[in-house]
């Protein structure tokens, strides 16, 4: 980033952060909370279960695009969503 600023490819400005410090603080807090809960989840279960659980955010984002943004789903998106759900269910009931 500093290189881009030096060669005038992309300017870095701190005005945005100073004007929106509350949103920046919320972003930092939510990021820290996510990392803490992620580590706690790995401690309680296992890393594979947590990583597949995190992959569930992809189908949720696709469903959001489908219902809210009227995005049409293709065959690959449906196959991907199905495989993520199936892998999560297999891991969930494998014990």
C-alpha atoms as a PDB file:
ATOM      1  CA  UNK A   1       0.000   0.000   0.000  1.00  0.00           C
ATOM      2  CA  UNK A   2       2.802   2.397   0.816  1.00  0.00           C
ATOM      3  CA  UNK A   3       4.400   1.680  -2.561  1.00  0.00           C
ATOM      4  CA  UNK A   4       1.133   2.522  -4.345  1.00  0.00           C
ATOM      5  CA  UNK A   5       1.000   5.791  -2.408  1.00  0.00           C
ATOM      6  CA  UNK A   6       4.598   6.671  -3.308  1.00  0.00           C
ATOM      7  CA  UNK A   7       4.139   6.065  -7.045  1.00  0.00           C
ATOM      8  CA  UNK A   8       0.766   7.901  -7.033  1.00  0.00           C
ATOM      9  CA  UNK A   9      -1.105   4.798  -8.175  1.00  0.00           C
ATOM     10  CA  UNK A  10      -3.537   4.924  -5.275  1.00  0.00           C
ATOM     11  CA  UNK A  11      -3.515   7.650  -2.671  1.00  0.00           C
ATOM     12  CA  UNK A  12      -3.913   6.722   0.974  1.00  0.00           C
ATOM     13  CA  UNK A  13      -5.971   9.175   2.973  1.00  0.00           C
ATOM     14  CA  UNK A  14      -6.733   9.034   6.674  1.00  0.00           C
ATOM     15  CA  UNK A  15      -9.623  11.507   6.336  1.00  0.00           C
ATOM     16  CA  UNK A  16     -12.062   8.663   5.790  1.00  0.00           C
ATOM     17  CA  UNK A  17     -11.109   6.962   9.079  1.00  0.00           C
ATOM     18  CA  UNK A  18     -11.206  10.180  11.085  1.00  0.00           C
ATOM     19  CA  UNK A  19     -14.669  11.043   9.740  1.00  0.00           C
ATOM     20  CA  UNK A  20     -16.050   7.550  10.353  1.00  0.00           C
ATOM     21  CA  UNK A  21     -14.255   6.564  13.548  1.00  0.00           C
ATOM     22  CA  UNK A  22     -17.383   4.964  15.045  1.00  0.00           C
ATOM     23  CA  UNK A  23     -17.805   2.629  12.081  1.00  0.00           C
ATOM     24  CA  UNK A  24     -14.102   1.852  12.145  1.00  0.00           C
ATOM     25  CA  UNK A  25     -14.286   0.987  15.865  1.00  0.00           C
ATOM     26  CA  UNK A  26     -17.305  -1.242  15.224  1.00  0.00           C
ATOM     27  CA  UNK A  27     -15.438  -2.993  12.404  1.00  0.00           C
ATOM     28  CA  UNK A  28     -12.426  -3.610  14.674  1.00  0.00           C
ATOM     29  CA  UNK A  29     -14.670  -4.895  17.471  1.00  0.00           C
ATOM     30  CA  UNK A  30     -16.600  -7.264  15.187  1.00  0.00           C
ATOM     31  CA  UNK A  31     -13.384  -8.573  13.637  1.00  0.00           C
ATOM     32  CA  UNK A  32     -11.918  -9.248  17.067  1.00  0.00           C
ATOM     33  CA  UNK A  33     -15.143 -10.912  18.206  1.00  0.00           C
ATOM     34  CA  UNK A  34     -15.158 -13.141  15.115  1.00  0.00           C
ATOM     35  CA  UNK A  35     -11.567 -14.253  15.682  1.00  0.00           C
ATOM     36  CA  UNK A  36     -12.201 -14.909  19.375  1.00  0.00           C
ATOM     37  CA  UNK A  37     -15.318 -16.971  18.705  1.00  0.00           C
ATOM     38  CA  UNK A  38     -13.566 -18.818  15.903  1.00  0.00           C
ATOM     39  CA  UNK A  39     -10.714 -19.809  18.210  1.00  0.00           C
ATOM     40  CA  UNK A  40     -13.170 -20.811  20.931  1.00  0.00           C
ATOM     41  CA  UNK A  41     -15.138 -22.916  18.441  1.00  0.00           C
ATOM     42  CA  UNK A  42     -11.984 -24.706  17.308  1.00  0.00           C
ATOM     43  CA  UNK A  43     -11.146 -25.372  20.963  1.00  0.00           C
ATOM     44  CA  UNK A  44     -14.590 -26.849  21.664  1.00  0.00           C
ATOM     45  CA  UNK A  45     -15.034 -28.904  18.481  1.00  0.00           C
ATOM     46  CA  UNK A  46     -12.460 -29.505  15.776  1.00  0.00           C
ATOM     47  CA  UNK A  47     -10.952 -27.379  12.999  1.00  0.00           C
ATOM     48  CA  UNK A  48     -12.644 -29.312  10.186  1.00  0.00           C
ATOM     49  CA  UNK A  49     -16.117 -28.719  11.624  1.00  0.00           C
ATOM     50  CA  UNK A  50     -15.410 -24.997  12.025  1.00  0.00           C
ATOM     51  CA  UNK A  51     -13.959 -24.622   8.525  1.00  0.00           C
ATOM     52  CA  UNK A  52     -16.985 -26.313   6.954  1.00  0.00           C
ATOM     53  CA  UNK A  53     -19.199 -24.128   9.139  1.00  0.00           C
ATOM     54  CA  UNK A  54     -17.444 -21.031   7.830  1.00  0.00           C
ATOM     55  CA  UNK A  55     -18.014 -22.300   4.297  1.00  0.00           C
ATOM     56  CA  UNK A  56     -21.752 -22.082   5.023  1.00  0.00           C
ATOM     57  CA  UNK A  57     -21.450 -18.320   4.634  1.00  0.00           C
ATOM     58  CA  UNK A  58     -21.002 -18.821   0.875  1.00  0.00           C
ATOM     59  CA  UNK A  59     -24.404 -20.469   0.325  1.00  0.00           C
ATOM     60  CA  UNK A  60     -25.987 -17.853   2.565  1.00  0.00           C
ATOM     61  CA  UNK A  61     -24.475 -15.090   0.437  1.00  0.00           C
ATOM     62  CA  UNK A  62     -25.681 -16.809  -2.735  1.00  0.00           C
ATOM     63  CA  UNK A  63     -29.192 -17.168  -1.280  1.00  0.00           C
ATOM     64  CA  UNK A  64     -29.118 -13.498  -0.306  1.00  0.00           C
ATOM     65  CA  UNK A  65     -28.184 -12.572  -3.875  1.00  0.00           C
ATOM     66  CA  UNK A  66     -30.950 -14.817  -5.197  1.00  0.00           C
ATOM     67  CA  UNK A  67     -33.759 -13.469  -3.012  1.00  0.00           C
ATOM     68  CA  UNK A  68     -32.741  -9.831  -2.479  1.00  0.00           C
ATOM     69  CA  UNK A  69     -30.813  -8.962  -5.653  1.00  0.00           C
ATOM     70  CA  UNK A  70     -32.826 -11.226  -8.000  1.00  0.00           C
ATOM     71  CA  UNK A  71     -29.637 -12.991  -9.102  1.00  0.00           C
ATOM     72  CA  UNK A  72     -30.331 -16.173 -11.068  1.00  0.00           C
ATOM     73  CA  UNK A  73     -28.526 -19.308  -9.928  1.00  0.00           C
ATOM     74  CA  UNK A  74     -26.634 -21.418 -12.410  1.00  0.00           C
ATOM     75  CA  UNK A  75     -25.881 -25.119 -12.295  1.00  0.00           C
ATOM     76  CA  UNK A  76     -22.431 -24.587 -10.759  1.00  0.00           C
ATOM     77  CA  UNK A  77     -23.807 -22.410  -7.949  1.00  0.00           C
ATOM     78  CA  UNK A  78     -26.477 -24.991  -7.111  1.00  0.00           C
ATOM     79  CA  UNK A  79     -23.894 -27.791  -7.193  1.00  0.00           C
ATOM     80  CA  UNK A  80     -21.549 -25.806  -4.951  1.00  0.00           C
ATOM     81  CA  UNK A  81     -24.243 -24.935  -2.421  1.00  0.00           C
ATOM     82  CA  UNK A  82     -25.460 -28.528  -2.342  1.00  0.00           C
ATOM     83  CA  UNK A  83     -21.982 -29.963  -1.822  1.00  0.00           C
ATOM     84  CA  UNK A  84     -21.265 -27.557   1.045  1.00  0.00           C
ATOM     85  CA  UNK A  85     -24.538 -28.427   2.783  1.00  0.00           C
ATOM     86  CA  UNK A  86     -24.011 -32.171   2.261  1.00  0.00           C
ATOM     87  CA  UNK A  87     -20.444 -32.045   3.596  1.00  0.00           C
ATOM     88  CA  UNK A  88     -21.594 -30.117   6.664  1.00  0.00           C
ATOM     89  CA  UNK A  89     -24.375 -32.633   7.361  1.00  0.00           C
ATOM     90  CA  UNK A  90     -21.985 -35.587   6.918  1.00  0.00           C
ATOM     91  CA  UNK A  91     -19.493 -34.073   9.361  1.00  0.00           C
ATOM     92  CA  UNK A  92     -22.265 -33.116  11.783  1.00  0.00           C
ATOM     93  CA  UNK A  93     -23.675 -36.656  12.008  1.00  0.00           C
ATOM     94  CA  UNK A  94     -20.421 -38.622  11.641  1.00  0.00           C
ATOM     95  CA  UNK A  95     -19.833 -38.943  15.390  1.00  0.00           C
END
